Protein backbone atom coordinates (compact mmCIF):
# COMPACT_ATOMS: atom_id res chain seq x y z
CA MET A 1 -42.69 -42.46 10.10
CA LYS A 2 -44.89 -45.48 9.61
CA ASN A 3 -47.13 -44.68 12.57
CA SER A 4 -47.73 -41.09 11.46
CA ALA A 5 -48.06 -41.80 7.74
CA PRO A 6 -51.07 -40.21 6.00
CA LYS A 7 -53.70 -42.52 4.57
CA LEU A 8 -53.52 -42.42 0.79
CA THR A 9 -55.91 -43.97 -1.69
CA PRO A 10 -54.53 -46.35 -4.35
CA GLU A 11 -55.11 -43.60 -6.91
CA GLN A 12 -53.09 -41.10 -4.87
CA ILE A 13 -50.24 -43.57 -4.53
CA VAL A 14 -50.15 -44.20 -8.28
CA ARG A 15 -50.20 -40.45 -8.98
CA ARG A 16 -47.45 -39.78 -6.42
CA ASN A 17 -45.21 -42.51 -7.81
CA LYS A 18 -45.75 -41.21 -11.34
CA ILE A 19 -44.74 -37.71 -10.30
CA LEU A 20 -41.65 -38.84 -8.39
CA ASN A 21 -40.73 -41.29 -11.16
CA SER A 22 -38.10 -43.12 -9.11
CA ASN A 23 -35.55 -45.27 -10.94
CA ASN A 24 -35.30 -47.50 -7.86
CA PRO A 25 -37.37 -50.72 -8.23
CA ASN A 26 -37.57 -50.95 -4.42
CA PHE A 27 -38.69 -47.35 -3.95
CA PHE A 28 -41.19 -46.71 -1.15
CA GLU A 29 -42.71 -43.59 0.36
CA TYR A 30 -45.23 -43.18 3.18
CA GLY A 31 -46.49 -39.87 1.82
CA HIS A 32 -45.27 -37.38 4.43
CA LYS A 33 -44.91 -33.71 3.56
CA ILE A 34 -41.42 -32.22 3.76
CA SER A 35 -42.52 -30.04 6.67
CA ASP A 36 -43.63 -33.15 8.58
CA ILE A 37 -40.28 -34.85 7.96
CA GLU A 38 -38.48 -31.74 9.23
CA LYS A 39 -40.56 -31.75 12.44
CA ILE A 40 -39.82 -35.42 13.07
CA THR A 41 -36.12 -34.85 12.40
CA LYS A 42 -36.05 -31.90 14.81
CA THR A 43 -37.66 -34.04 17.52
CA ILE A 44 -35.02 -36.73 17.05
CA HIS A 45 -32.20 -34.18 17.11
CA MET A 46 -33.46 -32.61 20.35
CA LYS A 47 -33.93 -35.99 22.02
CA TYR A 48 -30.48 -37.42 21.36
CA GLN A 49 -26.99 -35.97 21.61
CA CYS A 50 -24.35 -37.06 19.15
CA SER A 51 -21.17 -35.86 17.52
CA TYR A 52 -20.69 -34.73 13.94
CA LYS A 53 -19.02 -38.06 13.24
CA ASP A 54 -22.06 -39.88 14.57
CA ALA A 55 -24.35 -37.63 12.52
CA LEU A 56 -22.43 -38.54 9.37
CA SER A 57 -22.98 -42.22 10.10
CA VAL A 58 -26.68 -41.64 10.72
CA CYS A 59 -26.96 -39.68 7.47
CA LYS A 60 -25.23 -42.33 5.38
CA ASN A 61 -27.32 -45.10 6.91
CA LEU A 62 -30.62 -43.33 6.27
CA VAL A 63 -29.75 -42.05 2.78
CA SER A 64 -29.06 -45.62 1.69
CA SER A 65 -32.65 -46.58 2.57
CA ASN A 66 -35.27 -47.33 -0.09
CA VAL A 67 -37.77 -45.30 1.93
CA GLN A 68 -37.95 -41.71 0.68
CA GLU A 69 -38.71 -40.17 4.09
CA GLU A 70 -35.70 -41.87 5.64
CA LYS A 71 -33.44 -40.39 2.98
CA PHE A 72 -34.77 -36.90 3.74
CA THR A 73 -34.38 -37.46 7.46
CA GLY A 74 -30.71 -38.36 7.00
CA ILE A 75 -29.94 -35.16 5.10
CA PHE A 76 -32.01 -32.93 7.38
CA PHE A 77 -30.49 -34.48 10.50
CA LEU A 78 -26.95 -33.84 9.27
CA ASN A 79 -27.88 -30.24 8.54
CA TYR A 80 -28.06 -29.59 12.29
CA PHE A 81 -24.28 -30.03 12.23
CA LYS A 82 -23.68 -27.66 9.32
CA SER A 83 -21.07 -25.71 11.27
CA ASN A 84 -18.83 -28.76 10.76
CA PHE A 85 -19.36 -28.97 6.99
CA ASN A 86 -16.25 -28.88 4.82
CA GLN A 87 -14.80 -30.28 1.59
CA ALA A 88 -15.07 -33.82 2.95
CA THR A 89 -18.79 -33.30 3.61
CA ILE A 90 -19.33 -32.23 0.00
CA ASP A 91 -17.42 -35.29 -1.21
CA MET A 92 -19.66 -37.43 0.99
CA PHE A 93 -22.78 -35.86 -0.51
CA GLU A 94 -21.48 -36.56 -4.02
CA GLU A 95 -20.81 -40.21 -3.17
CA GLN A 96 -24.20 -40.70 -1.52
CA PHE A 97 -26.02 -39.03 -4.42
CA SER A 98 -24.23 -41.25 -6.91
CA LYS A 99 -25.23 -44.38 -5.03
CA TYR A 100 -28.62 -43.65 -3.52
CA CYS A 101 -30.39 -40.63 -5.01
CA ASP A 102 -33.36 -41.97 -6.95
CA THR A 103 -35.80 -39.05 -7.38
CA TRP A 104 -35.71 -35.41 -8.41
CA ALA A 105 -37.45 -34.56 -5.12
CA PHE A 106 -34.61 -35.87 -2.97
CA CYS A 107 -32.01 -34.28 -5.25
CA ASP A 108 -33.66 -30.87 -5.27
CA SER A 109 -34.61 -30.69 -1.58
CA SER A 110 -31.10 -31.70 -0.52
CA CYS A 111 -29.58 -28.96 -2.66
CA ILE A 112 -32.11 -26.24 -1.83
CA ARG A 113 -32.26 -26.87 1.92
CA VAL A 114 -28.79 -28.19 2.82
CA ILE A 115 -25.98 -28.17 0.24
CA GLY A 116 -26.84 -24.92 -1.54
CA PRO A 117 -27.12 -22.79 1.62
CA PHE A 118 -23.74 -24.07 2.83
CA LEU A 119 -21.99 -23.42 -0.48
CA GLY A 120 -23.77 -20.07 -0.79
CA LYS A 121 -21.92 -18.65 2.20
CA LYS A 122 -19.52 -15.85 1.35
CA ASN A 123 -16.40 -17.75 2.40
CA ASN A 124 -17.34 -20.81 0.34
CA GLN A 125 -17.34 -19.29 -3.14
CA LEU A 126 -14.28 -21.20 -4.35
CA LEU A 127 -15.59 -24.48 -2.92
CA ALA A 128 -18.96 -23.79 -4.55
CA GLU A 129 -17.41 -23.23 -7.97
CA LYS A 130 -15.21 -26.29 -7.60
CA THR A 131 -18.20 -28.41 -6.62
CA ILE A 132 -20.48 -27.16 -9.39
CA ASP A 133 -17.79 -27.59 -12.04
CA LYS A 134 -16.98 -31.12 -10.91
CA TRP A 135 -20.55 -32.29 -10.38
CA SER A 136 -21.67 -30.91 -13.74
CA THR A 137 -19.54 -33.51 -15.55
CA SER A 138 -20.54 -36.48 -13.40
CA GLU A 139 -21.67 -39.71 -15.02
CA ASN A 140 -24.57 -39.75 -12.58
CA LEU A 141 -27.75 -37.95 -13.67
CA TRP A 142 -28.68 -36.72 -10.20
CA VAL A 143 -25.22 -35.37 -9.40
CA ARG A 144 -25.32 -33.43 -12.67
CA ARG A 145 -28.79 -32.04 -11.90
CA ALA A 146 -27.60 -31.17 -8.40
CA SER A 147 -24.91 -28.89 -9.87
CA LEU A 148 -27.66 -26.81 -11.51
CA VAL A 149 -29.88 -26.73 -8.43
CA ILE A 150 -26.98 -25.74 -6.18
CA LEU A 151 -26.16 -22.81 -8.45
CA LEU A 152 -29.75 -21.61 -8.65
CA LYS A 153 -29.97 -21.72 -4.84
CA ILE A 154 -26.81 -19.63 -4.61
CA VAL A 155 -28.33 -17.18 -7.09
CA MET A 156 -31.43 -16.98 -4.87
CA ILE A 157 -29.27 -16.33 -1.81
CA LYS A 158 -27.12 -13.64 -3.41
CA LYS A 159 -29.90 -12.21 -5.63
CA GLU A 160 -27.33 -11.81 -8.39
CA PHE A 161 -25.18 -13.91 -10.67
CA ASP A 162 -22.22 -13.79 -13.00
CA ASP A 163 -23.58 -14.01 -16.55
CA ASP A 164 -20.50 -15.64 -18.00
CA TYR A 165 -20.34 -18.30 -15.29
CA VAL A 166 -24.02 -19.23 -15.59
CA PHE A 167 -24.08 -19.30 -19.37
CA THR A 168 -20.81 -21.26 -19.59
CA LEU A 169 -22.25 -23.92 -17.28
CA ILE A 170 -25.43 -24.07 -19.34
CA GLU A 171 -23.53 -24.44 -22.59
CA LYS A 172 -21.68 -27.39 -21.11
CA MET A 173 -24.86 -28.97 -19.78
CA LEU A 174 -26.65 -28.75 -23.12
CA ASN A 175 -24.77 -31.89 -24.13
CA TYR A 176 -26.97 -33.85 -21.72
CA THR A 177 -30.39 -34.49 -23.21
CA GLU A 178 -32.16 -36.09 -20.22
CA ASP A 179 -35.38 -34.29 -19.30
CA TYR A 180 -34.24 -33.75 -15.72
CA ILE A 181 -31.15 -31.92 -16.95
CA GLN A 182 -33.07 -29.91 -19.53
CA LYS A 183 -35.64 -28.95 -16.88
CA GLY A 184 -32.81 -28.07 -14.49
CA ILE A 185 -31.31 -25.72 -17.07
CA GLY A 186 -34.67 -24.08 -17.61
CA TRP A 187 -35.22 -23.75 -13.86
CA LEU A 188 -31.80 -22.12 -13.42
CA LEU A 189 -32.49 -19.61 -16.19
CA LYS A 190 -35.97 -18.87 -14.80
CA THR A 191 -34.45 -18.21 -11.38
CA CYS A 192 -31.84 -15.90 -12.91
CA SER A 193 -34.59 -14.01 -14.78
CA ASN A 194 -35.85 -12.73 -11.41
CA TYR A 195 -32.68 -10.68 -11.06
CA LYS A 196 -31.52 -9.91 -14.62
CA PRO A 197 -34.53 -10.36 -16.91
CA ASP A 198 -32.93 -8.44 -19.78
CA SER A 199 -29.82 -10.61 -19.70
CA ILE A 200 -31.85 -13.83 -19.70
CA PHE A 201 -34.16 -12.60 -22.46
CA LYS A 202 -31.18 -11.72 -24.64
CA TYR A 203 -29.57 -15.12 -24.01
CA LEU A 204 -32.74 -17.03 -24.83
CA MET A 205 -33.39 -15.05 -28.01
CA SER A 206 -29.79 -15.43 -29.19
CA ASN A 207 -29.77 -19.18 -28.54
CA LYS A 208 -33.39 -20.22 -29.14
CA GLU A 209 -32.47 -22.31 -32.16
CA LYS A 210 -30.22 -24.61 -30.14
CA LEU A 211 -32.16 -24.63 -26.88
CA SER A 212 -34.85 -27.27 -26.50
CA ARG A 213 -38.51 -26.26 -26.28
CA LEU A 214 -38.49 -27.68 -22.76
CA ILE A 215 -35.75 -25.27 -21.71
CA LEU A 216 -37.40 -22.32 -23.46
CA ARG A 217 -40.76 -22.97 -21.80
CA TYR A 218 -39.29 -23.29 -18.31
CA ALA A 219 -36.81 -20.43 -18.66
CA SER A 220 -39.32 -17.88 -19.96
CA GLU A 221 -42.08 -18.46 -17.39
CA LYS A 222 -41.26 -15.35 -15.31
CA LEU A 223 -40.64 -13.01 -18.24
CA PRO A 224 -43.30 -10.55 -19.47
CA LYS A 225 -45.92 -12.13 -21.73
CA GLU A 226 -44.75 -10.27 -24.84
CA ARG A 227 -41.15 -11.41 -24.37
CA ARG A 228 -42.19 -14.98 -23.66
CA GLN A 229 -44.20 -15.07 -26.86
CA LEU A 230 -41.16 -13.91 -28.83
CA ILE A 231 -39.00 -16.61 -27.25
CA LEU A 232 -41.50 -19.39 -27.94
CA LYS A 233 -42.37 -18.20 -31.44
CA LYS A 234 -41.14 -20.73 -34.00
């Protein structure tokens, strides 16, 4: 990672750190793109043979690192063993997120590329609902955000969603006022608007008085201009 790190100017580093906004005082990132990290991880996976048990140990060790790329590598490496994923794997992800997740980027990429696709499989619906329901009430900010991102990934996979389930989760999450949760709610609603725009428009209009402006702006981005103007009209 260090040898292949891109050369960034001091200004680029400051901008990157501001965007990632890590809550870890020891946070460090070389500046690799996700695609580069995936290529490096693939090279490592092809070079060495190990068991699922070994892969779990590698994942935990790397996720605990203060280096962002090492965290990603741990998750991406374990994903090569996704045929072994089960309830215990999900519990492990929850524990590691609670301890070591320190940016929205790591949270979201893990859910979009690894956890969400696993839970989005047809046979995992009950496990997915159990995970989302549990994680949505976590004391940890990133675990709570992960519950939203996992659901939106599942919506993307299935290209449909249960209105009652989505809106019930959102109503529960409205109690959390952190920007990353509010943005997560908006992102989930925006994703859902790709498949049921009328349903999302109706929900936003009916609840615009209690939904934050942040949620309304994010959620209405994909709706027709006229509808978005109605939603954002004070």
